[in-house]
């Protein structure tokens, strides 16, 4: 038998590791052996890549489980909104949920400053903490007396500034007296002085002429008429308190 007759039907397979050393084994291309002369090519082995499924139906079946779950979430929701209605009900039943409850302000914040008590005791109690335990309230009495003397002086300066039509000085005096009154808890007077500062600033920003400036100054004049009465009312209220507690 000759050497040609002893050759196998298929040629030797080519080692793809030598031709593609940088490609891992599962992804190396499979080289089909070339048929020899005189032999049929029906014995060739098809490439694994060429027989990979490419049908859309098959690809759909191989989706990951998370994709199937996401696509059916909205269908299972009773409201058709992906469970949003149920989540809203759960959120509204939470103890600190902004959906279920609103912030309730204390009673003294719900009242208008002109109808609330002249003294805010939560703040005035902090001034009383400065007193000694002897019950004389010497420190707080001195602070209150100094404030009302200062308030009368500031009110006279406001009247002079209003006579000169000086809104800048009115705003500064209103800011000063507002802070002093707020530190002692004299709520009504502090609110009025804040309005004086506000309208005085508006009049100063509008310049020296104009209808809106005149309206702002007229509002300041009306507020100045309340300052003296609120000072007297707060002083009497505190005097009665010291008589009862002292």
Protein backbone atom coordinates (compact mmCIF):
# COMPACT_ATOMS: atom_id res chain seq x y z
CA UNK A 1 0.00 0.00 0.00
CA UNK A 2 1.40 3.36 -0.96
CA UNK A 3 1.83 6.27 1.40
CA UNK A 4 -0.99 8.22 -0.30
CA UNK A 5 -3.41 5.34 0.28
CA UNK A 6 -2.55 5.23 4.03
CA UNK A 7 -3.50 8.95 4.57
CA UNK A 8 -6.58 9.43 6.79
CA UNK A 9 -9.89 10.67 5.40
CA UNK A 10 -9.66 13.99 7.24
CA UNK A 11 -6.68 16.18 7.48
CA UNK A 12 -5.08 16.92 10.81
CA UNK A 13 -6.85 19.60 12.87
CA UNK A 14 -5.11 22.90 13.10
CA UNK A 15 -4.07 24.00 16.57
CA UNK A 16 -5.78 27.35 16.96
CA UNK A 17 -3.86 28.09 20.14
CA UNK A 18 -0.78 28.71 18.04
CA UNK A 19 -2.65 31.06 15.65
CA UNK A 20 -4.72 32.86 18.32
CA UNK A 21 -2.80 32.62 21.60
CA UNK A 22 -4.54 35.71 23.03
CA UNK A 23 -8.08 34.26 22.71
CA UNK A 24 -9.41 31.94 25.39
CA UNK A 25 -10.42 28.43 24.40
CA UNK A 26 -14.24 28.79 24.40
CA UNK A 27 -14.09 31.76 22.03
CA UNK A 28 -11.41 30.62 19.59
CA UNK A 29 -12.71 30.20 16.05
CA UNK A 30 -13.07 26.60 14.97
CA UNK A 31 -11.30 25.92 11.72
CA UNK A 32 -13.05 23.41 9.56
CA UNK A 33 -10.70 20.88 7.97
CA UNK A 34 -10.47 21.07 4.25
CA UNK A 35 -11.69 17.93 2.44
CA UNK A 36 -9.09 15.99 0.57
CA UNK A 37 -9.41 15.04 -3.00
CA UNK A 38 -11.57 12.00 -3.65
CA UNK A 39 -13.47 12.27 -0.35
CA UNK A 40 -16.87 13.78 0.39
CA UNK A 41 -17.15 17.00 2.37
CA UNK A 42 -20.18 15.70 4.30
CA UNK A 43 -17.97 14.60 7.21
CA UNK A 44 -17.03 18.15 8.14
CA UNK A 45 -18.05 19.29 11.62
CA UNK A 46 -20.12 22.52 11.77
CA UNK A 47 -18.75 25.42 13.80
CA UNK A 48 -20.29 25.93 17.24
CA UNK A 49 -20.67 29.66 16.51
CA UNK A 50 -22.63 28.98 13.33
CA UNK A 51 -25.09 26.74 15.18
CA UNK A 52 -25.82 29.29 17.99
CA UNK A 53 -29.54 30.04 18.36
CA UNK A 54 -30.51 33.34 16.78
CA UNK A 55 -34.29 33.08 16.85
CA UNK A 56 -36.06 35.95 18.69
CA UNK A 57 -38.30 33.45 20.46
CA UNK A 58 -35.30 31.58 21.82
CA UNK A 59 -33.62 34.84 22.87
CA UNK A 60 -36.75 35.88 24.74
CA UNK A 61 -36.78 32.62 26.68
CA UNK A 62 -33.23 33.20 27.82
CA UNK A 63 -33.95 36.59 29.44
CA UNK A 64 -32.70 36.91 33.01
CA UNK A 65 -35.35 36.49 35.73
CA UNK A 66 -35.15 40.18 36.76
CA UNK A 67 -36.32 41.30 33.32
CA UNK A 68 -39.38 39.06 33.49
CA UNK A 69 -40.20 40.32 36.98
CA UNK A 70 -39.95 43.96 35.96
CA UNK A 71 -42.19 43.48 32.96
CA UNK A 72 -44.96 41.89 35.02
CA UNK A 73 -44.90 44.23 38.02
CA UNK A 74 -47.30 46.77 36.54
CA UNK A 75 -49.67 44.04 35.39
CA UNK A 76 -49.95 42.64 38.93
CA UNK A 77 -50.60 46.08 40.46
CA UNK A 78 -54.31 46.60 41.30
CA UNK A 79 -54.22 50.27 40.36
CA UNK A 80 -52.08 49.80 37.26
CA UNK A 81 -49.45 52.21 38.57
CA UNK A 82 -46.84 49.71 39.68
CA UNK A 83 -47.95 49.69 43.34
CA UNK A 84 -47.84 53.48 43.76
CA UNK A 85 -51.27 53.63 45.39
CA UNK A 86 -50.33 51.03 47.97
CA UNK A 87 -47.07 52.84 48.73
CA UNK A 88 -48.98 56.10 49.22
CA UNK A 89 -51.28 54.40 51.73
CA UNK A 90 -48.32 52.99 53.62
CA UNK A 91 -46.57 56.39 53.67
CA UNK A 92 -49.68 58.17 54.88
CA UNK A 93 -49.98 55.78 57.82
CA UNK A 94 -46.40 56.38 58.98
CA UNK A 95 -46.13 58.32 62.26
CA UNK A 96 -43.87 61.06 60.82
CA UNK A 97 -45.17 61.08 57.27
CA UNK A 98 -45.70 64.51 55.65
CA UNK A 99 -48.65 63.01 53.82
CA UNK A 100 -50.64 62.17 56.93
CA UNK A 101 -50.02 65.04 59.30
CA UNK A 102 -49.07 68.70 59.35
CA UNK A 103 -47.01 70.62 61.87
CA UNK A 104 -49.13 72.00 64.70
CA UNK A 105 -47.82 75.31 66.00
CA UNK A 106 -48.08 76.24 69.68
CA UNK A 107 -51.08 78.31 70.72
CA UNK A 108 -49.13 81.54 71.17
CA UNK A 109 -47.81 81.27 67.57
CA UNK A 110 -51.28 80.72 66.13
CA UNK A 111 -52.60 83.98 67.61
CA UNK A 112 -52.08 87.35 66.01
CA UNK A 113 -49.49 89.42 67.92
CA UNK A 114 -52.08 92.11 68.65
CA UNK A 115 -54.49 89.60 70.24
CA UNK A 116 -51.88 87.47 72.02
CA UNK A 117 -50.81 88.23 75.62
CA UNK A 118 -48.44 91.22 75.82
CA UNK A 119 -45.72 89.05 77.40
CA UNK A 120 -44.51 85.73 76.05
CA UNK A 121 -43.80 83.81 79.23
CA UNK A 122 -41.60 81.19 77.57
CA UNK A 123 -39.03 83.91 76.89
CA UNK A 124 -39.62 85.93 80.04
CA UNK A 125 -39.03 82.79 82.12
CA UNK A 126 -35.45 82.73 80.84
CA UNK A 127 -34.96 86.22 82.28
CA UNK A 128 -36.39 85.05 85.60
CA UNK A 129 -33.75 82.31 85.71
CA UNK A 130 -31.17 85.05 86.31
CA UNK A 131 -32.75 85.89 89.66
CA UNK A 132 -31.59 84.52 92.98
CA UNK A 133 -33.62 82.02 94.93
CA UNK A 134 -34.68 84.59 97.55
CA UNK A 135 -37.83 85.48 95.57
CA UNK A 136 -37.01 89.19 95.31
CA UNK A 137 -36.45 89.05 91.52
CA UNK A 138 -33.90 91.83 91.84
CA UNK A 139 -32.05 91.09 88.59
CA UNK A 140 -35.09 90.73 86.35
CA UNK A 141 -36.76 93.81 87.89
CA UNK A 142 -33.69 95.88 87.08
CA UNK A 143 -33.62 94.64 83.48
CA UNK A 144 -37.32 95.38 82.98
CA UNK A 145 -37.01 98.89 84.46
CA UNK A 146 -34.00 99.66 82.24
CA UNK A 147 -35.85 98.45 79.17
CA UNK A 148 -38.90 100.67 79.63
CA UNK A 149 -36.71 103.69 80.22
CA UNK A 150 -34.85 102.85 77.02
CA UNK A 151 -38.12 102.27 75.15
CA UNK A 152 -39.46 105.73 76.04
CA UNK A 153 -36.26 107.35 74.81
CA UNK A 154 -36.39 105.36 71.56
CA UNK A 155 -40.04 106.34 71.05
CA UNK A 156 -39.21 110.04 71.39
CA UNK A 157 -36.40 109.63 68.85
CA UNK A 158 -38.83 107.92 66.48
CA UNK A 159 -41.26 110.83 66.71
CA UNK A 160 -38.46 113.27 65.87
CA UNK A 161 -37.34 111.15 62.91
CA UNK A 162 -40.91 110.98 61.66
CA UNK A 163 -41.26 114.74 61.90
CA UNK A 164 -38.15 115.04 59.74
CA UNK A 165 -39.49 112.39 57.34
CA UNK A 166 -36.33 110.35 57.80
CA UNK A 167 -37.29 106.73 57.02
CA UNK A 168 -33.74 105.43 57.38
CA UNK A 169 -33.51 106.54 61.01
CA UNK A 170 -37.00 105.20 61.67
CA UNK A 171 -36.02 101.78 60.35
CA UNK A 172 -32.88 101.73 62.52
CA UNK A 173 -34.76 102.73 65.69
CA UNK A 174 -37.49 100.20 64.97
CA UNK A 175 -34.90 97.44 64.59
CA UNK A 176 -33.19 98.43 67.84
CA UNK A 177 -36.38 98.50 69.93
CA UNK A 178 -37.67 95.33 68.29
CA UNK A 179 -34.61 93.36 69.42
CA UNK A 180 -34.71 94.70 72.98
CA UNK A 181 -38.42 93.91 73.36
CA UNK A 182 -38.04 90.42 71.88
CA UNK A 183 -35.23 89.60 74.35
CA UNK A 184 -37.63 90.18 77.26
CA UNK A 185 -40.60 88.48 75.62
CA UNK A 186 -42.62 91.68 75.08
CA UNK A 187 -44.28 90.27 71.98
CA UNK A 188 -46.76 92.96 70.94
CA UNK A 189 -44.26 95.80 71.09
CA UNK A 190 -41.65 93.72 69.26
CA UNK A 191 -44.11 93.01 66.44
CA UNK A 192 -45.04 96.70 66.05
CA UNK A 193 -41.39 97.76 65.95
CA UNK A 194 -40.68 95.15 63.31
CA UNK A 195 -43.41 96.67 61.14
CA UNK A 196 -41.89 100.12 61.66
CA UNK A 197 -38.53 98.80 60.48
CA UNK A 198 -40.11 97.14 57.47
CA UNK A 199 -42.11 100.12 56.21
CA UNK A 200 -39.29 102.52 57.02
CA UNK A 201 -36.93 100.46 54.86
CA UNK A 202 -39.48 100.44 52.02
CA UNK A 203 -39.85 104.22 52.18
CA UNK A 204 -36.07 104.68 52.21
CA UNK A 205 -35.65 102.47 49.14
CA UNK A 206 -38.31 104.39 47.19
CA UNK A 207 -36.42 107.69 47.40
CA UNK A 208 -37.63 111.12 48.45
CA UNK A 209 -40.79 111.38 46.34
CA UNK A 210 -43.58 109.13 45.14
CA UNK A 211 -47.00 107.92 46.11
CA UNK A 212 -45.79 104.59 47.50
CA UNK A 213 -43.24 106.33 49.71
CA UNK A 214 -45.95 108.56 51.14
CA UNK A 215 -48.11 105.51 51.86
CA UNK A 216 -45.23 103.75 53.62
CA UNK A 217 -44.53 106.80 55.78
CA UNK A 218 -48.23 107.11 56.65
CA UNK A 219 -48.17 103.48 57.81
CA UNK A 220 -45.14 104.22 59.99
CA UNK A 221 -47.00 107.17 61.54
CA UNK A 222 -49.94 104.94 62.45
CA UNK A 223 -47.61 102.36 63.98
CA UNK A 224 -45.87 105.01 66.08
CA UNK A 225 -49.21 105.78 67.69
CA UNK A 226 -49.32 102.20 69.03
CA UNK A 227 -45.82 102.10 70.49
CA UNK A 228 -46.54 104.20 73.57
CA UNK A 229 -49.75 102.32 74.39
CA UNK A 230 -48.05 98.94 74.07
CA UNK A 231 -45.20 100.08 76.30
CA UNK A 232 -47.68 101.14 78.99
CA UNK A 233 -49.68 97.92 78.68
CA UNK A 234 -46.60 95.70 78.99
CA UNK A 235 -45.27 97.68 81.94
CA UNK A 236 -48.56 97.33 83.82
CA UNK A 237 -48.80 93.62 83.05
CA UNK A 238 -45.31 92.97 84.40
CA UNK A 239 -45.97 95.16 87.45
CA UNK A 240 -49.00 93.06 88.37
CA UNK A 241 -47.02 89.86 87.83
CA UNK A 242 -44.28 91.00 90.23
CA UNK A 243 -46.90 91.96 92.82
CA UNK A 244 -48.49 88.52 92.66
CA UNK A 245 -45.27 86.50 92.50
CA UNK A 246 -42.99 88.71 94.61
